[in-house]
Amino acid sequence: MAELFGWLFGQYTDYPALFIVLEFVAVIFGVASVLLARKLSVWVFPIGLVSTAIFVYLLWKWQLFGDMFINAYYTIMGIYGWFNWTKNKDNDQANAQQGDISIEHIQASDIPVMALLSTATIVFVALVYYFRPIINNGFSFDGVVLGVHLFTWVDYTDMLTTALFLIAMWLMASRKIEHWLLWIVADAISVPLYFYKGLTFTALQYVVFTLIAIWAYYEWQRRYRIQSHAVYA
């Protein structure tokens, strides 16, 4: 048991106490935001903003720039989603009476945006990792070697999960049910990825995220059926 505990949390012995506390707080707010998303509560966004803002700071300090940009994007989309959900609740009279946010399925018009977003994301994260040696060298080219051959499996996995997360966040802000399917896949991939990076609390957070996302997907499907029956009743 002691060996397992040491394997899971041993890396934290070298971390400042402030970083450990901030990561734990970010995880708590992150889990709370996903639970609120399951309930279609607008509070998902302000609560989630606390988590993403903390992670932006921590990931910058840890020089995990791909993850940092994900959370920076989450922060921006969180503000957009907060506005969009609030506007939808205020403008949709039927849903306003029920106190709910109306939800939708992906439409054909969403596909080009998803394709553009995924392509731009992969290219951007690839460029970040391509120039990572320069970033890690204090933004100096002196003695730096660049090349795709320096990429690791972690880098390629980051590109995939970043694209999935960013599309999922956009779909969530747009109130699309299918965003939960992308969260499920990306969260499941992130569990071993963050364990490998030594961020145990964050890895455990993604275990919880995966389970909640599965639960939430069926919950949103149930609410969509109720919503549809109310419209056609």
C-alpha atoms as a PDB file:
ATOM      1  CA  MET A   1       0.000   0.000   0.000  1.00  0.00           C
ATOM      2  CA  ALA A   2       2.809   2.376   0.904  1.00  0.00           C
ATOM      3  CA  GLU A   3       4.518   1.647  -2.420  1.00  0.00           C
ATOM      4  CA  LEU A   4       1.305   2.352  -4.330  1.00  0.00           C
ATOM      5  CA  PHE A   5       0.795   5.600  -2.428  1.00  0.00           C
ATOM      6  CA  GLY A   6       4.371   6.599  -3.160  1.00  0.00           C
ATOM      7  CA  TRP A   7       3.935   5.809  -6.865  1.00  0.00           C
ATOM      8  CA  LEU A   8       0.752   7.864  -7.077  1.00  0.00           C
ATOM      9  CA  PHE A   9       1.733  10.862  -4.972  1.00  0.00           C
ATOM     10  CA  GLY A  10       5.524  10.703  -4.617  1.00  0.00           C
ATOM     11  CA  GLN A  11       6.092  13.485  -7.144  1.00  0.00           C
ATOM     12  CA  TYR A  12       4.293  15.934  -4.861  1.00  0.00           C
ATOM     13  CA  THR A  13       7.174  15.854  -2.368  1.00  0.00           C
ATOM     14  CA  ASP A  14       9.037  18.203  -4.716  1.00  0.00           C
ATOM     15  CA  TYR A  15       6.095  20.543  -5.308  1.00  0.00           C
ATOM     16  CA  PRO A  16       5.514  23.784  -3.374  1.00  0.00           C
ATOM     17  CA  ALA A  17       2.599  23.459  -0.964  1.00  0.00           C
ATOM     18  CA  LEU A  18       0.803  26.269  -2.796  1.00  0.00           C
ATOM     19  CA  PHE A  19       0.834  24.307  -6.076  1.00  0.00           C
ATOM     20  CA  ILE A  20      -0.603  21.214  -4.378  1.00  0.00           C
ATOM     21  CA  VAL A  21      -3.398  23.226  -2.768  1.00  0.00           C
ATOM     22  CA  LEU A  22      -4.195  25.046  -6.026  1.00  0.00           C
ATOM     23  CA  GLU A  23      -4.340  21.793  -8.015  1.00  0.00           C
ATOM     24  CA  PHE A  24      -6.664  20.250  -5.417  1.00  0.00           C
ATOM     25  CA  VAL A  25      -8.947  23.323  -5.446  1.00  0.00           C
ATOM     26  CA  ALA A  26      -9.000  23.330  -9.264  1.00  0.00           C
ATOM     27  CA  VAL A  27      -9.970  19.641  -9.264  1.00  0.00           C
ATOM     28  CA  ILE A  28     -12.819  20.214  -6.790  1.00  0.00           C
ATOM     29  CA  PHE A  29     -14.221  23.112  -8.825  1.00  0.00           C
ATOM     30  CA  GLY A  30     -13.749  21.111 -12.046  1.00  0.00           C
ATOM     31  CA  VAL A  31     -15.764  18.166 -10.739  1.00  0.00           C
ATOM     32  CA  ALA A  32     -18.427  20.523  -9.395  1.00  0.00           C
ATOM     33  CA  SER A  33     -18.732  22.204 -12.799  1.00  0.00           C
ATOM     34  CA  VAL A  34     -19.272  18.881 -14.599  1.00  0.00           C
ATOM     35  CA  LEU A  35     -21.969  17.913 -12.098  1.00  0.00           C
ATOM     36  CA  LEU A  36     -23.656  21.269 -12.729  1.00  0.00           C
ATOM     37  CA  ALA A  37     -23.415  20.695 -16.492  1.00  0.00           C
ATOM     38  CA  ARG A  38     -25.263  17.396 -16.051  1.00  0.00           C
ATOM     39  CA  LYS A  39     -28.084  19.334 -14.404  1.00  0.00           C
ATOM     40  CA  LEU A  40     -28.064  21.998 -17.144  1.00  0.00           C
ATOM     41  CA  SER A  41     -27.241  24.662 -14.573  1.00  0.00           C
ATOM     42  CA  VAL A  42     -25.813  27.937 -15.854  1.00  0.00           C
ATOM     43  CA  TRP A  43     -23.537  27.870 -12.801  1.00  0.00           C
ATOM     44  CA  VAL A  44     -21.410  25.310 -14.648  1.00  0.00           C
ATOM     45  CA  PHE A  45     -19.578  28.217 -16.282  1.00  0.00           C
ATOM     46  CA  PRO A  46     -18.601  30.499 -13.363  1.00  0.00           C
ATOM     47  CA  ILE A  47     -17.621  27.447 -11.281  1.00  0.00           C
ATOM     48  CA  GLY A  48     -15.671  26.020 -14.219  1.00  0.00           C
ATOM     49  CA  LEU A  49     -13.902  29.346 -14.775  1.00  0.00           C
ATOM     50  CA  VAL A  50     -12.335  29.083 -11.328  1.00  0.00           C
ATOM     51  CA  SER A  51     -10.919  25.657 -12.202  1.00  0.00           C
ATOM     52  CA  THR A  52      -9.625  26.592 -15.655  1.00  0.00           C
ATOM     53  CA  ALA A  53      -8.044  29.851 -14.469  1.00  0.00           C
ATOM     54  CA  ILE A  54      -6.105  28.001 -11.759  1.00  0.00           C
ATOM     55  CA  PHE A  55      -4.979  25.343 -14.233  1.00  0.00           C
ATOM     56  CA  VAL A  56      -3.764  27.997 -16.683  1.00  0.00           C
ATOM     57  CA  TYR A  57      -1.464  29.317 -13.971  1.00  0.00           C
ATOM     58  CA  LEU A  58      -0.279  25.882 -12.793  1.00  0.00           C
ATOM     59  CA  LEU A  59       0.316  24.485 -16.269  1.00  0.00           C
ATOM     60  CA  TRP A  60       2.325  27.555 -17.209  1.00  0.00           C
ATOM     61  CA  LYS A  61       4.502  27.000 -14.166  1.00  0.00           C
ATOM     62  CA  TRP A  62       4.869  23.295 -15.048  1.00  0.00           C
ATOM     63  CA  GLN A  63       5.658  24.229 -18.696  1.00  0.00           C
ATOM     64  CA  LEU A  64       2.857  22.009 -20.007  1.00  0.00           C
ATOM     65  CA  PHE A  65       1.961  24.544 -22.656  1.00  0.00           C
ATOM     66  CA  GLY A  66      -0.424  22.396 -24.686  1.00  0.00           C
ATOM     67  CA  ASP A  67      -2.541  21.751 -21.586  1.00  0.00           C
ATOM     68  CA  MET A  68      -2.256  25.393 -20.624  1.00  0.00           C
ATOM     69  CA  PHE A  69      -3.697  26.541 -23.955  1.00  0.00           C
ATOM     70  CA  ILE A  70      -6.557  24.055 -23.567  1.00  0.00           C
ATOM     71  CA  ASN A  71      -7.527  25.641 -20.260  1.00  0.00           C
ATOM     72  CA  ALA A  72      -7.085  29.145 -21.633  1.00  0.00           C
ATOM     73  CA  TYR A  73      -9.526  28.180 -24.389  1.00  0.00           C
ATOM     74  CA  TYR A  74     -11.872  26.685 -21.778  1.00  0.00           C
ATOM     75  CA  THR A  75     -11.828  30.013 -19.986  1.00  0.00           C
ATOM     76  CA  ILE A  76     -12.794  31.906 -23.144  1.00  0.00           C
ATOM     77  CA  MET A  77     -15.465  29.381 -24.124  1.00  0.00           C
ATOM     78  CA  GLY A  78     -16.730  29.372 -20.535  1.00  0.00           C
ATOM     79  CA  ILE A  79     -17.484  33.070 -20.817  1.00  0.00           C
ATOM     80  CA  TYR A  80     -19.177  32.504 -24.201  1.00  0.00           C
ATOM     81  CA  GLY A  81     -21.146  29.532 -22.885  1.00  0.00           C
ATOM     82  CA  TRP A  82     -22.265  31.465 -19.804  1.00  0.00           C
ATOM     83  CA  PHE A  83     -23.645  34.204 -22.064  1.00  0.00           C
ATOM     84  CA  ASN A  84     -25.206  31.745 -24.533  1.00  0.00           C
ATOM     85  CA  TRP A  85     -26.930  29.595 -21.914  1.00  0.00           C
ATOM     86  CA  THR A  86     -28.222  32.638 -20.032  1.00  0.00           C
ATOM     87  CA  LYS A  87     -29.517  34.199 -23.254  1.00  0.00           C
ATOM     88  CA  ASN A  88     -31.206  30.940 -24.250  1.00  0.00           C
ATOM     89  CA  LYS A  89     -32.896  30.604 -20.877  1.00  0.00           C
ATOM     90  CA  ASP A  90     -34.157  34.202 -20.974  1.00  0.00           C
ATOM     91  CA  ASN A  91     -35.340  34.118 -24.598  1.00  0.00           C
ATOM     92  CA  ASP A  92     -36.992  30.698 -24.732  1.00  0.00           C
ATOM     93  CA  GLN A  93     -40.287  31.328 -22.970  1.00  0.00           C
ATOM     94  CA  ALA A  94     -41.283  27.653 -22.717  1.00  0.00           C
ATOM     95  CA  ASN A  95     -37.987  26.653 -21.164  1.00  0.00           C
ATOM     96  CA  ALA A  96     -37.929  29.745 -18.988  1.00  0.00           C
ATOM     97  CA  GLN A  97     -41.192  28.591 -17.437  1.00  0.00           C
ATOM     98  CA  GLN A  98     -39.641  25.197 -16.729  1.00  0.00           C
ATOM     99  CA  GLY A  99     -36.397  26.770 -15.499  1.00  0.00           C
ATOM    100  CA  ASP A 100     -34.396  24.684 -18.001  1.00  0.00           C
ATOM    101  CA  ILE A 101     -31.931  25.312 -20.795  1.00  0.00           C
ATOM    102  CA  SER A 102     -33.050  23.985 -24.181  1.00  0.00           C
ATOM    103  CA  ILE A 103     -30.665  21.411 -25.687  1.00  0.00           C
ATOM    104  CA  GLU A 104     -30.096  20.249 -29.257  1.00  0.00           C
ATOM    105  CA  HIS A 105     -28.443  17.595 -31.390  1.00  0.00           C
ATOM    106  CA  ILE A 106     -25.568  18.341 -33.766  1.00  0.00           C
ATOM    107  CA  GLN A 107     -26.730  19.741 -37.098  1.00  0.00           C
ATOM    108  CA  ALA A 108     -25.067  19.495 -40.524  1.00  0.00           C
ATOM    109  CA  SER A 109     -24.122  23.168 -40.203  1.00  0.00           C
ATOM    110  CA  ASP A 110     -21.975  22.313 -37.166  1.00  0.00           C
ATOM    111  CA  ILE A 111     -19.693  19.909 -39.069  1.00  0.00           C
ATOM    112  CA  PRO A 112     -17.583  22.542 -40.923  1.00  0.00           C
ATOM    113  CA  VAL A 113     -16.977  24.423 -37.674  1.00  0.00           C
ATOM    114  CA  MET A 114     -15.949  21.200 -35.913  1.00  0.00           C
ATOM    115  CA  ALA A 115     -13.595  20.269 -38.765  1.00  0.00           C
ATOM    116  CA  LEU A 116     -12.020  23.718 -38.816  1.00  0.00           C
ATOM    117  CA  LEU A 117     -11.664  23.800 -35.049  1.00  0.00           C
ATOM    118  CA  SER A 118     -10.053  20.358 -34.877  1.00  0.00           C
ATOM    119  CA  THR A 119      -7.623  21.089 -37.735  1.00  0.00           C
ATOM    120  CA  ALA A 120      -6.599  24.471 -36.333  1.00  0.00           C
ATOM    121  CA  THR A 121      -6.157  22.960 -32.879  1.00  0.00           C
ATOM    122  CA  ILE A 122      -3.924  20.109 -34.022  1.00  0.00           C
ATOM    123  CA  VAL A 123      -1.791  22.471 -36.105  1.00  0.00           C
ATOM    124  CA  PHE A 124      -1.479  24.969 -33.266  1.00  0.00           C
ATOM    125  CA  VAL A 125      -0.541  22.386 -30.627  1.00  0.00           C
ATOM    126  CA  ALA A 126       1.916  20.767 -33.065  1.00  0.00           C
ATOM    127  CA  LEU A 127       3.604  24.147 -33.531  1.00  0.00           C
ATOM    128  CA  VAL A 128       3.785  24.625 -29.763  1.00  0.00           C
ATOM    129  CA  TYR A 129       5.534  21.282 -29.352  1.00  0.00           C
ATOM    130  CA  TYR A 130       7.736  21.877 -32.397  1.00  0.00           C
ATOM    131  CA  PHE A 131       9.071  25.088 -30.855  1.00  0.00           C
ATOM    132  CA  ARG A 132       9.054  23.705 -27.299  1.00  0.00           C
ATOM    133  CA  PRO A 133      12.879  23.404 -27.206  1.00  0.00           C
ATOM    134  CA  ILE A 134      13.075  27.160 -27.810  1.00  0.00           C
ATOM    135  CA  ILE A 135      10.441  27.859 -25.149  1.00  0.00           C
ATOM    136  CA  ASN A 136      12.266  25.644 -22.646  1.00  0.00           C
ATOM    137  CA  ASN A 137      15.522  27.399 -23.570  1.00  0.00           C
ATOM    138  CA  GLY A 138      14.228  30.757 -22.418  1.00  0.00           C
ATOM    139  CA  PHE A 139      12.973  31.592 -25.930  1.00  0.00           C
ATOM    140  CA  SER A 140      16.528  31.442 -27.254  1.00  0.00           C
ATOM    141  CA  PHE A 141      17.623  29.626 -30.440  1.00  0.00           C
ATOM    142  CA  ASP A 142      21.138  29.044 -29.097  1.00  0.00           C
ATOM    143  CA  GLY A 143      22.025  25.346 -29.340  1.00  0.00           C
ATOM    144  CA  VAL A 144      18.417  24.349 -29.970  1.00  0.00           C
ATOM    145  CA  VAL A 145      17.509  21.433 -32.252  1.00  0.00           C
ATOM    146  CA  LEU A 146      14.049  21.394 -33.808  1.00  0.00           C
ATOM    147  CA  GLY A 147      12.186  18.652 -35.617  1.00  0.00           C
ATOM    148  CA  VAL A 148       9.107  16.442 -35.690  1.00  0.00           C
ATOM    149  CA  HIS A 149      11.382  13.515 -34.802  1.00  0.00           C
ATOM    150  CA  LEU A 150      11.554  14.966 -31.274  1.00  0.00           C
ATOM    151  CA  PHE A 151       7.824  14.460 -30.760  1.00  0.00           C
ATOM    152  CA  THR A 152       6.830  11.754 -28.274  1.00  0.00           C
ATOM    153  CA  TRP A 153       3.659   9.682 -27.978  1.00  0.00           C
ATOM    154  CA  VAL A 154       2.572  12.104 -25.252  1.00  0.00           C
ATOM    155  CA  ASP A 155       2.759  15.002 -27.714  1.00  0.00           C
ATOM    156  CA  TYR A 156       0.657  13.205 -30.319  1.00  0.00           C
ATOM    157  CA  THR A 157      -1.849  12.171 -27.667  1.00  0.00           C
ATOM    158  CA  ASP A 158      -2.022  15.777 -26.475  1.00  0.00           C
ATOM    159  CA  MET A 159      -2.856  16.894 -30.005  1.00  0.00           C
ATOM    160  CA  LEU A 160      -5.733  14.403 -30.171  1.00  0.00           C
ATOM    161  CA  THR A 161      -7.173  15.125 -26.734  1.00  0.00           C
ATOM    162  CA  THR A 162      -6.803  18.886 -27.200  1.00  0.00           C
ATOM    163  CA  ALA A 163      -8.812  18.730 -30.428  1.00  0.00           C
ATOM    164  CA  LEU A 164     -11.487  16.571 -28.780  1.00  0.00           C
ATOM    165  CA  PHE A 165     -11.700  18.813 -25.711  1.00  0.00           C
ATOM    166  CA  LEU A 166     -11.931  22.021 -27.711  1.00  0.00           C
ATOM    167  CA  ILE A 167     -14.684  20.677 -29.964  1.00  0.00           C
ATOM    168  CA  ALA A 168     -16.511  19.315 -26.906  1.00  0.00           C
ATOM    169  CA  MET A 169     -16.309  22.674 -25.141  1.00  0.00           C
ATOM    170  CA  TRP A 170     -17.669  24.497 -28.187  1.00  0.00           C
ATOM    171  CA  LEU A 171     -20.521  21.990 -28.511  1.00  0.00           C
ATOM    172  CA  MET A 172     -21.248  22.297 -24.803  1.00  0.00           C
ATOM    173  CA  ALA A 173     -21.423  26.085 -25.036  1.00  0.00           C
ATOM    174  CA  SER A 174     -23.772  25.573 -28.000  1.00  0.00           C
ATOM    175  CA  ARG A 175     -25.943  23.175 -25.938  1.00  0.00           C
ATOM    176  CA  LYS A 176     -25.346  20.092 -28.132  1.00  0.00           C
ATOM    177  CA  ILE A 177     -25.947  16.683 -26.542  1.00  0.00           C
ATOM    178  CA  GLU A 178     -23.100  14.996 -28.422  1.00  0.00           C
ATOM    179  CA  HIS A 179     -20.481  17.012 -26.566  1.00  0.00           C
ATOM    180  CA  TRP A 180     -20.706  14.399 -23.793  1.00  0.00           C
ATOM    181  CA  LEU A 181     -19.529  11.646 -26.163  1.00  0.00           C
ATOM    182  CA  LEU A 182     -16.378  13.622 -26.933  1.00  0.00           C
ATOM    183  CA  TRP A 183     -15.805  14.281 -23.216  1.00  0.00           C
ATOM    184  CA  ILE A 184     -16.101  10.552 -22.499  1.00  0.00           C
ATOM    185  CA  VAL A 185     -13.442   9.620 -25.072  1.00  0.00           C
ATOM    186  CA  ALA A 186     -11.070  12.482 -24.255  1.00  0.00           C
ATOM    187  CA  ASP A 187     -11.452  12.097 -20.479  1.00  0.00           C
ATOM    188  CA  ALA A 188     -10.724   8.359 -20.675  1.00  0.00           C
ATOM    189  CA  ILE A 189      -7.573   8.997 -22.721  1.00  0.00           C
ATOM    190  CA  SER A 190      -6.463  11.721 -20.286  1.00  0.00           C
ATOM    191  CA  VAL A 191      -6.444   9.422 -17.254  1.00  0.00           C
ATOM    192  CA  PRO A 192      -3.237   7.506 -18.119  1.00  0.00           C
ATOM    193  CA  LEU A 193      -1.804  10.618 -19.785  1.00  0.00           C
ATOM    194  CA  TYR A 194      -1.926  12.701 -16.602  1.00  0.00           C
ATOM    195  CA  PHE A 195      -0.703   9.808 -14.475  1.00  0.00           C
ATOM    196  CA  TYR A 196       2.298   9.655 -16.804  1.00  0.00           C
ATOM    197  CA  LYS A 197       2.833  13.406 -16.435  1.00  0.00           C
ATOM    198  CA  GLY A 198       2.866  13.012 -12.658  1.00  0.00           C
ATOM    199  CA  LEU A 199      -0.348  14.964 -12.003  1.00  0.00           C
ATOM    200  CA  THR A 200      -2.138  12.373  -9.898  1.00  0.00           C
ATOM    201  CA  PHE A 201      -4.932  14.592  -8.581  1.00  0.00           C
ATOM    202  CA  THR A 202      -5.681  15.728 -12.137  1.00  0.00           C
ATOM    203  CA  ALA A 203      -5.632  12.116 -13.414  1.00  0.00           C
ATOM    204  CA  LEU A 204      -8.101  11.094 -10.700  1.00  0.00           C
ATOM    205  CA  GLN A 205     -10.226  14.073 -11.667  1.00  0.00           C
ATOM    206  CA  TYR A 206     -10.473  12.675 -15.211  1.00  0.00           C
ATOM    207  CA  VAL A 207     -11.555   9.294 -13.839  1.00  0.00           C
ATOM    208  CA  VAL A 208     -14.444  11.087 -12.150  1.00  0.00           C
ATOM    209  CA  PHE A 209     -15.064  13.180 -15.279  1.00  0.00           C
ATOM    210  CA  THR A 210     -15.394  10.031 -17.411  1.00  0.00           C
ATOM    211  CA  LEU A 211     -17.971   8.489 -15.100  1.00  0.00           C
ATOM    212  CA  ILE A 212     -19.957  11.727 -14.788  1.00  0.00           C
ATOM    213  CA  ALA A 213     -19.881  12.262 -18.572  1.00  0.00           C
ATOM    214  CA  ILE A 214     -21.407   8.818 -19.172  1.00  0.00           C
ATOM    215  CA  TRP A 215     -24.100   9.559 -16.587  1.00  0.00           C
ATOM    216  CA  ALA A 216     -24.683  13.064 -17.984  1.00  0.00           C
ATOM    217  CA  TYR A 217     -25.030  11.862 -21.586  1.00  0.00           C
ATOM    218  CA  TYR A 218     -28.012   9.691 -20.665  1.00  0.00           C
ATOM    219  CA  GLU A 219     -29.403  12.472 -18.481  1.00  0.00           C
ATOM    220  CA  TRP A 220     -29.305  14.964 -21.370  1.00  0.00           C
ATOM    221  CA  GLN A 221     -30.931  12.390 -23.653  1.00  0.00           C
ATOM    222  CA  ARG A 222     -33.714  11.974 -21.124  1.00  0.00           C
ATOM    223  CA  ARG A 223     -34.191  15.739 -20.820  1.00  0.00           C
ATOM    224  CA  TYR A 224     -34.186  16.120 -24.601  1.00  0.00           C
ATOM    225  CA  ARG A 225     -37.037  13.601 -24.897  1.00  0.00           C
ATOM    226  CA  ILE A 226     -39.015  15.488 -22.243  1.00  0.00           C
ATOM    227  CA  GLN A 227     -38.276  18.770 -24.015  1.00  0.00           C
ATOM    228  CA  SER A 228     -39.412  17.351 -27.371  1.00  0.00           C
ATOM    229  CA  HIS A 229     -42.659  16.018 -25.917  1.00  0.00           C
ATOM    230  CA  ALA A 230     -43.351  19.406 -24.324  1.00  0.00           C
ATOM    231  CA  VAL A 231     -42.886  21.175 -27.669  1.00  0.00           C
ATOM    232  CA  TYR A 232     -45.186  18.831 -29.601  1.00  0.00           C
ATOM    233  CA  ALA A 233     -47.747  18.371 -26.845  1.00  0.00           C
END
